[in-house]
PDB file of N, CA and C in Angstrom:
ATOM      1  N   MET A   1       0.943  -1.319  -0.103  1.00  0.00           N
ATOM      2  CA  MET A   1       0.034   0.163   0.148  1.00  0.00           C
ATOM      3  C   MET A   1       1.093   1.431   0.175  1.00  0.00           C
ATOM      4  N   ILE A   2       0.508   1.983  -0.600  1.00  0.00           N
ATOM      5  CA  ILE A   2       1.590   3.376  -1.201  1.00  0.00           C
ATOM      6  C   ILE A   2       0.952   4.567   0.133  1.00  0.00           C
ATOM      7  N   THR A   3       1.765   4.936   1.070  1.00  0.00           N
ATOM      8  CA  THR A   3       1.381   6.112   1.795  1.00  0.00           C
ATOM      9  C   THR A   3       0.976   7.190   1.166  1.00  0.00           C
ATOM     10  N   GLU A   4       0.628   8.088   1.359  1.00  0.00           N
ATOM     11  CA  GLU A   4      -0.095   9.415   1.049  1.00  0.00           C
ATOM     12  C   GLU A   4       1.350  10.379   1.102  1.00  0.00           C
ATOM     13  N   THR A   5       2.803  10.140   1.772  1.00  0.00           N
ATOM     14  CA  THR A   5       3.885  10.647   1.609  1.00  0.00           C
ATOM     15  C   THR A   5       4.593  10.304   0.169  1.00  0.00           C
ATOM     16  N   ARG A   6       4.779   9.038   0.000  1.00  0.00           N
ATOM     17  CA  ARG A   6       4.996   8.334  -0.590  1.00  0.00           C
ATOM     18  C   ARG A   6       4.752   8.948  -1.877  1.00  0.00           C
ATOM     19  N   ARG A   7       3.407   8.933  -2.217  1.00  0.00           N
ATOM     20  CA  ARG A   7       2.791   9.573  -3.489  1.00  0.00           C
ATOM     21  C   ARG A   7       2.818  10.768  -3.794  1.00  0.00           C
ATOM     22  N   GLN A   8       2.925  11.170  -2.450  1.00  0.00           N
ATOM     23  CA  GLN A   8       3.046  13.015  -2.849  1.00  0.00           C
ATOM     24  C   GLN A   8       4.936  12.971  -3.473  1.00  0.00           C
ATOM     25  N   ARG A   9       5.835  12.187  -3.343  1.00  0.00           N
ATOM     26  CA  ARG A   9       7.191  11.841  -3.881  1.00  0.00           C
ATOM     27  C   ARG A   9       7.237  11.703  -5.127  1.00  0.00           C
ATOM     28  N   LEU A  10       5.949  10.269  -5.092  1.00  0.00           N
ATOM     29  CA  LEU A  10       6.400   9.653  -6.951  1.00  0.00           C
ATOM     30  C   LEU A  10       5.438  10.787  -7.653  1.00  0.00           C
ATOM     31  N   ALA A  11       4.586  11.587  -7.577  1.00  0.00           N
ATOM     32  CA  ALA A  11       3.617  12.734  -7.991  1.00  0.00           C
ATOM     33  C   ALA A  11       4.292  13.033  -9.360  1.00  0.00           C
ATOM     34  N   PRO A  12       5.514  13.852  -9.110  1.00  0.00           N
ATOM     35  CA  PRO A  12       6.538  14.953  -9.831  1.00  0.00           C
ATOM     36  C   PRO A  12       7.176  13.518 -10.985  1.00  0.00           C
ATOM     37  N   TRP A  13       7.662  13.005 -10.656  1.00  0.00           N
ATOM     38  CA  TRP A  13       8.060  11.705 -11.445  1.00  0.00           C
ATOM     39  C   TRP A  13       7.054  11.055 -12.157  1.00  0.00           C
ATOM     40  N   LEU A  14       5.916  10.835 -11.736  1.00  0.00           N
ATOM     41  CA  LEU A  14       5.092  10.404 -13.168  1.00  0.00           C
ATOM     42  C   LEU A  14       4.684  11.383 -13.725  1.00  0.00           C
ATOM     43  N   LEU A  15       4.999  12.596 -13.519  1.00  0.00           N
ATOM     44  CA  LEU A  15       3.916  13.851 -14.265  1.00  0.00           C
ATOM     45  C   LEU A  15       5.495  13.977 -15.358  1.00  0.00           C
ATOM     46  N   LEU A  16       6.623  13.833 -15.016  1.00  0.00           N
ATOM     47  CA  LEU A  16       7.783  13.630 -15.961  1.00  0.00           C
ATOM     48  C   LEU A  16       7.702  12.567 -16.945  1.00  0.00           C
ATOM     49  N   ILE A  17       7.362  11.236 -16.306  1.00  0.00           N
ATOM     50  CA  ILE A  17       7.486  10.102 -17.314  1.00  0.00           C
ATOM     51  C   ILE A  17       6.265  10.254 -18.302  1.00  0.00           C
ATOM     52  N   MET A  18       5.308  10.932 -17.442  1.00  0.00           N
ATOM     53  CA  MET A  18       3.814  10.619 -19.055  1.00  0.00           C
ATOM     54  C   MET A  18       4.115  12.357 -19.988  1.00  0.00           C
ATOM     55  N   LEU A  19       4.949  12.867 -19.492  1.00  0.00           N
ATOM     56  CA  LEU A  19       5.546  13.935 -20.334  1.00  0.00           C
ATOM     57  C   LEU A  19       6.297  13.647 -21.600  1.00  0.00           C
ATOM     58  N   GLY A  20       7.292  12.735 -20.914  1.00  0.00           N
ATOM     59  CA  GLY A  20       8.505  12.402 -21.802  1.00  0.00           C
ATOM     60  C   GLY A  20       8.130  11.516 -22.801  1.00  0.00           C
ATOM     61  N   VAL A  21       7.013  10.749 -22.658  1.00  0.00           N
ATOM     62  CA  VAL A  21       6.318   9.474 -23.450  1.00  0.00           C
ATOM     63  C   VAL A  21       5.978  10.288 -24.872  1.00  0.00           C
ATOM     64  N   GLY A  22       5.448  11.605 -24.872  1.00  0.00           N
ATOM     65  CA  GLY A  22       4.745  12.371 -25.245  1.00  0.00           C
ATOM     66  C   GLY A  22       5.391  13.078 -26.464  1.00  0.00           C
ATOM     67  N   CYS A  23       7.047  12.731 -26.116  1.00  0.00           N
ATOM     68  CA  CYS A  23       8.137  14.018 -27.006  1.00  0.00           C
ATOM     69  C   CYS A  23       8.506  12.787 -27.722  1.00  0.00           C
ATOM     70  N   GLY A  24       9.133  13.562 -28.660  1.00  0.00           N
ATOM     71  CA  GLY A  24      10.213  13.102 -30.170  1.00  0.00           C
ATOM     72  C   GLY A  24       9.204  13.156 -31.530  1.00  0.00           C
ATOM     73  N   GLU A  25       9.736  12.455 -32.833  1.00  0.00           N
ATOM     74  CA  GLU A  25       8.932  12.680 -33.818  1.00  0.00           C
ATOM     75  C   GLU A  25       7.877  12.233 -33.943  1.00  0.00           C
ATOM     76  N   ARG A  26       6.528  12.979 -34.611  1.00  0.00           N
ATOM     77  CA  ARG A  26       5.630  12.327 -34.355  1.00  0.00           C
ATOM     78  C   ARG A  26       5.329  11.986 -35.963  1.00  0.00           C
ATOM     79  N   ASP A  27       4.029  11.003 -36.256  1.00  0.00           N
ATOM     80  CA  ASP A  27       4.195  10.430 -37.606  1.00  0.00           C
ATOM     81  C   ASP A  27       3.166  11.978 -38.166  1.00  0.00           C
ATOM     82  N   GLU A  28       3.049  11.939 -39.880  1.00  0.00           N
ATOM     83  CA  GLU A  28       2.159  12.577 -40.249  1.00  0.00           C
ATOM     84  C   GLU A  28       0.858  12.229 -39.918  1.00  0.00           C
ATOM     85  N   VAL A  29      -0.191  13.739 -39.794  1.00  0.00           N
ATOM     86  CA  VAL A  29      -1.451  13.203 -39.456  1.00  0.00           C
ATOM     87  C   VAL A  29      -2.158  13.216 -40.973  1.00  0.00           C
ATOM     88  N   ARG A  30      -2.588  12.093 -41.188  1.00  0.00           N
ATOM     89  CA  ARG A  30      -3.519  11.962 -42.592  1.00  0.00           C
ATOM     90  C   ARG A  30      -4.929  12.381 -42.305  1.00  0.00           C
ATOM     91  N   PRO A  31      -5.567  13.265 -43.072  1.00  0.00           N
ATOM     92  CA  PRO A  31      -7.084  13.564 -43.408  1.00  0.00           C
ATOM     93  C   PRO A  31      -7.928  12.558 -43.977  1.00  0.00           C
ATOM     94  N   PHE A  32      -7.690  11.432 -43.050  1.00  0.00           N
ATOM     95  CA  PHE A  32      -8.643   9.992 -43.444  1.00  0.00           C
ATOM     96  C   PHE A  32      -9.956  10.687 -42.580  1.00  0.00           C
ATOM     97  N   GLY A  33     -11.147  10.427 -43.443  1.00  0.00           N
ATOM     98  CA  GLY A  33     -12.482   9.988 -42.871  1.00  0.00           C
ATOM     99  C   GLY A  33     -13.292  11.411 -43.354  1.00  0.00           C
ATOM    100  N   ARG A  34     -13.886  12.097 -42.935  1.00  0.00           N
ATOM    101  CA  ARG A  34     -14.545  13.132 -43.807  1.00  0.00           C
ATOM    102  C   ARG A  34     -14.071  14.502 -43.603  1.00  0.00           C
ATOM    103  N   GLN A  35     -13.786  15.583 -44.501  1.00  0.00           N
ATOM    104  CA  GLN A  35     -13.857  16.679 -44.515  1.00  0.00           C
ATOM    105  C   GLN A  35     -14.794  17.802 -44.984  1.00  0.00           C
ATOM    106  N   THR A  36     -15.078  18.572 -44.435  1.00  0.00           N
ATOM    107  CA  THR A  36     -16.198  19.280 -44.580  1.00  0.00           C
ATOM    108  C   THR A  36     -15.632  20.159 -45.903  1.00  0.00           C
ATOM    109  N   ILE A  37     -16.446  20.536 -46.368  1.00  0.00           N
ATOM    110  CA  ILE A  37     -16.398  21.847 -47.726  1.00  0.00           C
ATOM    111  C   ILE A  37     -17.484  22.554 -47.976  1.00  0.00           C
ATOM    112  N   LYS A  38     -17.007  23.793 -48.765  1.00  0.00           N
ATOM    113  CA  LYS A  38     -18.465  24.695 -49.032  1.00  0.00           C
ATOM    114  C   LYS A  38     -18.844  24.313 -49.826  1.00  0.00           C
ATOM    115  N   ILE A  39     -20.178  24.106 -49.801  1.00  0.00           N
ATOM    116  CA  ILE A  39     -21.104  23.245 -51.126  1.00  0.00           C
ATOM    117  C   ILE A  39     -20.668  24.029 -52.428  1.00  0.00           C
ATOM    118  N   ASP A  40     -20.288  25.341 -52.806  1.00  0.00           N
ATOM    119  CA  ASP A  40     -19.746  25.780 -53.892  1.00  0.00           C
ATOM    120  C   ASP A  40     -18.320  25.135 -54.423  1.00  0.00           C
ATOM    121  N   ALA A  41     -17.817  24.027 -53.441  1.00  0.00           N
ATOM    122  CA  ALA A  41     -16.652  23.901 -54.144  1.00  0.00           C
ATOM    123  C   ALA A  41     -16.883  22.345 -54.302  1.00  0.00           C
ATOM    124  N   VAL A  42     -18.673  21.636 -54.623  1.00  0.00           N
ATOM    125  CA  VAL A  42     -18.527  20.320 -54.999  1.00  0.00           C
ATOM    126  C   VAL A  42     -18.339  20.595 -56.491  1.00  0.00           C
ATOM    127  N   PRO A  43     -18.041  19.755 -57.218  1.00  0.00           N
ATOM    128  CA  PRO A  43     -17.995  19.604 -58.702  1.00  0.00           C
ATOM    129  C   PRO A  43     -19.629  19.790 -59.561  1.00  0.00           C
ATOM    130  N   ALA A  44     -19.859  20.248 -60.248  1.00  0.00           N
ATOM    131  CA  ALA A  44     -20.931  20.074 -60.917  1.00  0.00           C
ATOM    132  C   ALA A  44     -21.108  19.088 -61.053  1.00  0.00           C
ATOM    133  N   GLU A  45     -20.609  18.320 -62.067  1.00  0.00           N
ATOM    134  CA  GLU A  45     -21.030  16.771 -62.325  1.00  0.00           C
ATOM    135  C   GLU A  45     -21.778  16.202 -60.982  1.00  0.00           C
ATOM    136  N   ILE A  46     -20.871  15.933 -59.854  1.00  0.00           N
ATOM    137  CA  ILE A  46     -21.497  15.682 -58.254  1.00  0.00           C
ATOM    138  C   ILE A  46     -22.804  16.225 -58.239  1.00  0.00           C
ATOM    139  N   MET A  47     -23.012  17.709 -58.008  1.00  0.00           N
ATOM    140  CA  MET A  47     -24.228  18.488 -57.587  1.00  0.00           C
ATOM    141  C   MET A  47     -25.557  17.714 -58.599  1.00  0.00           C
ATOM    142  N   ASP A  48     -25.068  17.494 -59.707  1.00  0.00           N
ATOM    143  CA  ASP A  48     -26.123  17.663 -61.014  1.00  0.00           C
ATOM    144  C   ASP A  48     -26.567  16.247 -60.801  1.00  0.00           C
ATOM    145  N   SER A  49     -25.758  15.210 -60.283  1.00  0.00           N
ATOM    146  CA  SER A  49     -26.091  13.554 -59.992  1.00  0.00           C
ATOM    147  C   SER A  49     -26.974  13.783 -58.615  1.00  0.00           C
ATOM    148  N   ALA A  50     -26.476  14.376 -57.546  1.00  0.00           N
ATOM    149  CA  ALA A  50     -26.989  14.629 -56.268  1.00  0.00           C
ATOM    150  C   ALA A  50     -28.756  15.272 -56.486  1.00  0.00           C
ATOM    151  N   ARG A  51     -28.809  16.369 -57.454  1.00  0.00           N
ATOM    152  CA  ARG A  51     -29.990  16.918 -57.818  1.00  0.00           C
ATOM    153  C   ARG A  51     -30.766  16.148 -58.845  1.00  0.00           C
ATOM    154  N   LYS A  52     -30.345  15.059 -59.490  1.00  0.00           N
ATOM    155  CA  LYS A  52     -31.181  14.114 -60.272  1.00  0.00           C
ATOM    156  C   LYS A  52     -31.808  13.435 -59.342  1.00  0.00           C
ATOM    157  N   GLU A  53     -31.294  12.775 -58.543  1.00  0.00           N
ATOM    158  CA  GLU A  53     -31.424  11.808 -57.587  1.00  0.00           C
ATOM    159  C   GLU A  53     -32.539  12.362 -56.545  1.00  0.00           C
ATOM    160  N   LEU A  54     -32.105  13.443 -55.931  1.00  0.00           N
ATOM    161  CA  LEU A  54     -32.932  14.002 -54.770  1.00  0.00           C
ATOM    162  C   LEU A  54     -33.607  15.260 -55.117  1.00  0.00           C
ATOM    163  N   PRO A  55     -34.200  15.547 -56.416  1.00  0.00           N
ATOM    164  CA  PRO A  55     -34.999  16.658 -56.822  1.00  0.00           C
ATOM    165  C   PRO A  55     -35.534  17.573 -55.611  1.00  0.00           C
ATOM    166  N   GLN A  56     -36.386  17.231 -55.060  1.00  0.00           N
ATOM    167  CA  GLN A  56     -36.747  17.681 -53.963  1.00  0.00           C
ATOM    168  C   GLN A  56     -35.831  18.576 -52.751  1.00  0.00           C
ATOM    169  N   VAL A  57     -34.635  18.373 -52.911  1.00  0.00           N
ATOM    170  CA  VAL A  57     -33.862  18.548 -51.574  1.00  0.00           C
ATOM    171  C   VAL A  57     -33.032  19.836 -52.297  1.00  0.00           C
ATOM    172  N   LYS A  58     -32.561  20.753 -51.318  1.00  0.00           N
ATOM    173  CA  LYS A  58     -31.963  22.337 -51.272  1.00  0.00           C
ATOM    174  C   LYS A  58     -30.703  21.368 -50.398  1.00  0.00           C
ATOM    175  N   PHE A  59     -29.792  21.765 -51.398  1.00  0.00           N
ATOM    176  CA  PHE A  59     -28.617  21.120 -50.338  1.00  0.00           C
ATOM    177  C   PHE A  59     -27.735  22.134 -50.289  1.00  0.00           C
ATOM    178  N   GLU A  60     -27.282  21.687 -48.717  1.00  0.00           N
ATOM    179  CA  GLU A  60     -26.548  23.051 -48.014  1.00  0.00           C
ATOM    180  C   GLU A  60     -25.107  22.808 -47.451  1.00  0.00           C
ATOM    181  N   GLU A  61     -24.945  21.467 -47.084  1.00  0.00           N
ATOM    182  CA  GLU A  61     -23.957  20.972 -46.761  1.00  0.00           C
ATOM    183  C   GLU A  61     -23.129  19.908 -47.386  1.00  0.00           C
ATOM    184  N   ALA A  62     -21.803  19.935 -47.533  1.00  0.00           N
ATOM    185  CA  ALA A  62     -21.082  18.962 -48.415  1.00  0.00           C
ATOM    186  C   ALA A  62     -19.582  18.287 -47.313  1.00  0.00           C
ATOM    187  N   TRP A  63     -19.400  16.921 -48.072  1.00  0.00           N
ATOM    188  CA  TRP A  63     -18.124  16.813 -47.274  1.00  0.00           C
ATOM    189  C   TRP A  63     -17.576  16.049 -48.543  1.00  0.00           C
ATOM    190  N   LYS A  64     -16.183  15.904 -48.143  1.00  0.00           N
ATOM    191  CA  LYS A  64     -15.193  14.933 -49.198  1.00  0.00           C
ATOM    192  C   LYS A  64     -14.754  13.565 -47.786  1.00  0.00           C
ATOM    193  N   ASN A  65     -15.023  12.809 -48.864  1.00  0.00           N
ATOM    194  CA  ASN A  65     -14.505  11.334 -47.795  1.00  0.00           C
ATOM    195  C   ASN A  65     -13.179  11.089 -48.264  1.00  0.00           C
ATOM    196  N   LEU A  66     -12.422  10.932 -47.701  1.00  0.00           N
ATOM    197  CA  LEU A  66     -11.150  10.475 -47.976  1.00  0.00           C
ATOM    198  C   LEU A  66     -10.693   9.281 -47.518  1.00  0.00           C
ATOM    199  N   ASP A  67      -9.723   8.182 -48.349  1.00  0.00           N
ATOM    200  CA  ASP A  67      -9.595   6.628 -47.368  1.00  0.00           C
ATOM    201  C   ASP A  67      -8.339   7.116 -46.698  1.00  0.00           C
ATOM    202  N   PRO A  68      -7.698   6.155 -45.711  1.00  0.00           N
ATOM    203  CA  PRO A  68      -6.397   6.208 -45.123  1.00  0.00           C
ATOM    204  C   PRO A  68      -5.540   6.747 -45.347  1.00  0.00           C
ATOM    205  N   LYS A  69      -5.478   6.838 -47.065  1.00  0.00           N
ATOM    206  CA  LYS A  69      -3.671   7.558 -47.459  1.00  0.00           C
ATOM    207  C   LYS A  69      -4.233   9.210 -47.683  1.00  0.00           C
ATOM    208  N   GLY A  70      -5.873   9.622 -47.366  1.00  0.00           N
ATOM    209  CA  GLY A  70      -6.177  10.969 -47.634  1.00  0.00           C
ATOM    210  C   GLY A  70      -6.236  11.074 -48.945  1.00  0.00           C
ATOM    211  N   GLU A  71      -6.617  10.169 -49.566  1.00  0.00           N
ATOM    212  CA  GLU A  71      -6.679  10.333 -51.259  1.00  0.00           C
ATOM    213  C   GLU A  71      -8.407  10.665 -51.602  1.00  0.00           C
ATOM    214  N   LEU A  72      -9.341  11.459 -52.032  1.00  0.00           N
ATOM    215  CA  LEU A  72     -10.557  11.418 -52.230  1.00  0.00           C
ATOM    216  C   LEU A  72     -11.050  10.168 -52.705  1.00  0.00           C
ATOM    217  N   MET A  73     -12.196   9.965 -52.128  1.00  0.00           N
ATOM    218  CA  MET A  73     -13.127   8.648 -52.312  1.00  0.00           C
ATOM    219  C   MET A  73     -14.449   9.015 -53.103  1.00  0.00           C
ATOM    220  N   SER A  74     -15.081   9.870 -52.320  1.00  0.00           N
ATOM    221  CA  SER A  74     -16.436  10.382 -52.553  1.00  0.00           C
ATOM    222  C   SER A  74     -16.656  11.555 -52.175  1.00  0.00           C
ATOM    223  N   TYR A  75     -18.139  12.267 -52.336  1.00  0.00           N
ATOM    224  CA  TYR A  75     -18.390  13.286 -51.989  1.00  0.00           C
ATOM    225  C   TYR A  75     -19.922  12.639 -51.367  1.00  0.00           C
ATOM    226  N   GLU A  76     -20.248  13.578 -49.553  1.00  0.00           N
ATOM    227  CA  GLU A  76     -21.326  13.570 -49.407  1.00  0.00           C
ATOM    228  C   GLU A  76     -21.940  14.432 -49.274  1.00  0.00           C
ATOM    229  N   ILE A  77     -23.605  15.018 -49.959  1.00  0.00           N
ATOM    230  CA  ILE A  77     -24.133  16.199 -49.877  1.00  0.00           C
ATOM    231  C   ILE A  77     -25.503  15.866 -48.793  1.00  0.00           C
ATOM    232  N   ARG A  78     -25.727  17.050 -48.318  1.00  0.00           N
ATOM    233  CA  ARG A  78     -27.014  16.788 -47.527  1.00  0.00           C
ATOM    234  C   ARG A  78     -27.503  18.684 -47.701  1.00  0.00           C
ATOM    235  N   GLY A  79     -28.923  18.402 -47.624  1.00  0.00           N
ATOM    236  CA  GLY A  79     -29.594  19.007 -47.158  1.00  0.00           C
ATOM    237  C   GLY A  79     -31.261  18.735 -46.772  1.00  0.00           C
ATOM    238  N   LYS A  80     -32.228  19.614 -47.081  1.00  0.00           N
ATOM    239  CA  LYS A  80     -33.483  19.453 -46.763  1.00  0.00           C
ATOM    240  C   LYS A  80     -34.898  19.576 -47.720  1.00  0.00           C
ATOM    241  N   THR A  81     -35.897  18.839 -47.411  1.00  0.00           N
ATOM    242  CA  THR A  81     -37.026  18.884 -48.508  1.00  0.00           C
ATOM    243  C   THR A  81     -37.628  20.255 -47.904  1.00  0.00           C
ATOM    244  N   SER A  82     -38.421  20.882 -48.443  1.00  0.00           N
ATOM    245  CA  SER A  82     -39.354  21.976 -48.108  1.00  0.00           C
ATOM    246  C   SER A  82     -40.137  21.188 -47.044  1.00  0.00           C
ATOM    247  N   ASN A  83     -40.562  20.582 -46.455  1.00  0.00           N
ATOM    248  CA  ASN A  83     -41.153  20.105 -45.431  1.00  0.00           C
ATOM    249  C   ASN A  83     -40.003  19.768 -44.275  1.00  0.00           C
ATOM    250  N   GLY A  84     -38.747  20.069 -44.378  1.00  0.00           N
ATOM    251  CA  GLY A  84     -37.702  19.717 -43.431  1.00  0.00           C
ATOM    252  C   GLY A  84     -37.075  18.493 -43.148  1.00  0.00           C
ATOM    253  N   LYS A  85     -37.345  17.611 -43.936  1.00  0.00           N
ATOM    254  CA  LYS A  85     -36.667  16.258 -43.847  1.00  0.00           C
ATOM    255  C   LYS A  85     -35.101  16.445 -44.620  1.00  0.00           C
ATOM    256  N   VAL A  86     -34.628  15.833 -43.668  1.00  0.00           N
ATOM    257  CA  VAL A  86     -33.252  16.184 -43.666  1.00  0.00           C
ATOM    258  C   VAL A  86     -32.865  14.723 -45.016  1.00  0.00           C
ATOM    259  N   ARG A  87     -32.217  15.165 -46.233  1.00  0.00           N
ATOM    260  CA  ARG A  87     -31.645  14.132 -46.909  1.00  0.00           C
ATOM    261  C   ARG A  87     -30.138  14.099 -47.227  1.00  0.00           C
ATOM    262  N   GLU A  88     -29.455  13.187 -47.592  1.00  0.00           N
ATOM    263  CA  GLU A  88     -28.260  13.024 -48.367  1.00  0.00           C
ATOM    264  C   GLU A  88     -28.079  12.115 -49.363  1.00  0.00           C
ATOM    265  N   ALA A  89     -26.984  12.263 -49.745  1.00  0.00           N
ATOM    266  CA  ALA A  89     -26.826  11.783 -51.217  1.00  0.00           C
ATOM    267  C   ALA A  89     -25.260  11.632 -51.140  1.00  0.00           C
ATOM    268  N   ARG A  90     -24.512  10.453 -51.014  1.00  0.00           N
ATOM    269  CA  ARG A  90     -23.389  10.072 -51.346  1.00  0.00           C
ATOM    270  C   ARG A  90     -22.921   9.384 -52.673  1.00  0.00           C
ATOM    271  N   VAL A  91     -21.850  10.491 -53.496  1.00  0.00           N
ATOM    272  CA  VAL A  91     -21.847  10.179 -54.963  1.00  0.00           C
ATOM    273  C   VAL A  91     -20.326   9.900 -55.288  1.00  0.00           C
ATOM    274  N   SER A  92     -20.215   9.264 -56.056  1.00  0.00           N
ATOM    275  CA  SER A  92     -18.691   8.983 -55.966  1.00  0.00           C
ATOM    276  C   SER A  92     -18.125   9.909 -56.855  1.00  0.00           C
ATOM    277  N   LEU A  93     -16.730   9.906 -57.492  1.00  0.00           N
ATOM    278  CA  LEU A  93     -15.930  10.799 -58.221  1.00  0.00           C
ATOM    279  C   LEU A  93     -16.389  11.195 -59.405  1.00  0.00           C
ATOM    280  N   THR A  94     -17.315   9.940 -60.126  1.00  0.00           N
ATOM    281  CA  THR A  94     -17.860   9.932 -61.575  1.00  0.00           C
ATOM    282  C   THR A  94     -19.399  10.526 -61.286  1.00  0.00           C
ATOM    283  N   GLY A  95     -19.964  10.332 -60.400  1.00  0.00           N
ATOM    284  CA  GLY A  95     -21.037  11.133 -60.249  1.00  0.00           C
ATOM    285  C   GLY A  95     -21.989   9.959 -60.241  1.00  0.00           C
ATOM    286  N   GLU A  96     -21.910   8.654 -59.771  1.00  0.00           N
ATOM    287  CA  GLU A  96     -22.843   7.610 -59.592  1.00  0.00           C
ATOM    288  C   GLU A  96     -23.420   7.530 -58.167  1.00  0.00           C
ATOM    289  N   ILE A  97     -24.336   7.857 -58.226  1.00  0.00           N
ATOM    290  CA  ILE A  97     -24.615   7.899 -56.899  1.00  0.00           C
ATOM    291  C   ILE A  97     -24.827   6.190 -55.872  1.00  0.00           C
ATOM    292  N   LEU A  98     -24.015   6.379 -54.797  1.00  0.00           N
ATOM    293  CA  LEU A  98     -23.441   5.589 -54.199  1.00  0.00           C
ATOM    294  C   LEU A  98     -24.314   5.033 -52.872  1.00  0.00           C
ATOM    295  N   GLU A  99     -25.241   5.742 -52.402  1.00  0.00           N
ATOM    296  CA  GLU A  99     -26.169   5.944 -51.398  1.00  0.00           C
ATOM    297  C   GLU A  99     -26.947   7.098 -51.115  1.00  0.00           C
ATOM    298  N   THR A 100     -28.151   6.691 -50.767  1.00  0.00           N
ATOM    299  CA  THR A 100     -29.248   8.190 -50.526  1.00  0.00           C
ATOM    300  C   THR A 100     -29.584   7.606 -49.055  1.00  0.00           C
ATOM    301  N   GLU A 101     -29.875   8.990 -48.101  1.00  0.00           N
ATOM    302  CA  GLU A 101     -30.835   8.650 -47.040  1.00  0.00           C
ATOM    303  C   GLU A 101     -31.419   9.698 -46.830  1.00  0.00           C
TER     304      GLU A 101
END
């Protein structure tokens, strides 16, 4: 069992050890996952496909879907219908609809 005095003496050393573990070179952070973009930055071909698939939706948000290497895989575009229902389309780089919600 560790006494209070011993715990007080060990605390600074433990803090130094924890800080030391975080030092050194770090791997490059890769932009894996979704990257938010402005709706105006979505290519016209991608927007046309989404509008054709979901004509009742006013698209307002967009994301780039990136693979673990940071390469663009697809786009996600989200908006609302006139009655407020949220709809979303995932579109390939060639304009093919991959998924709708």
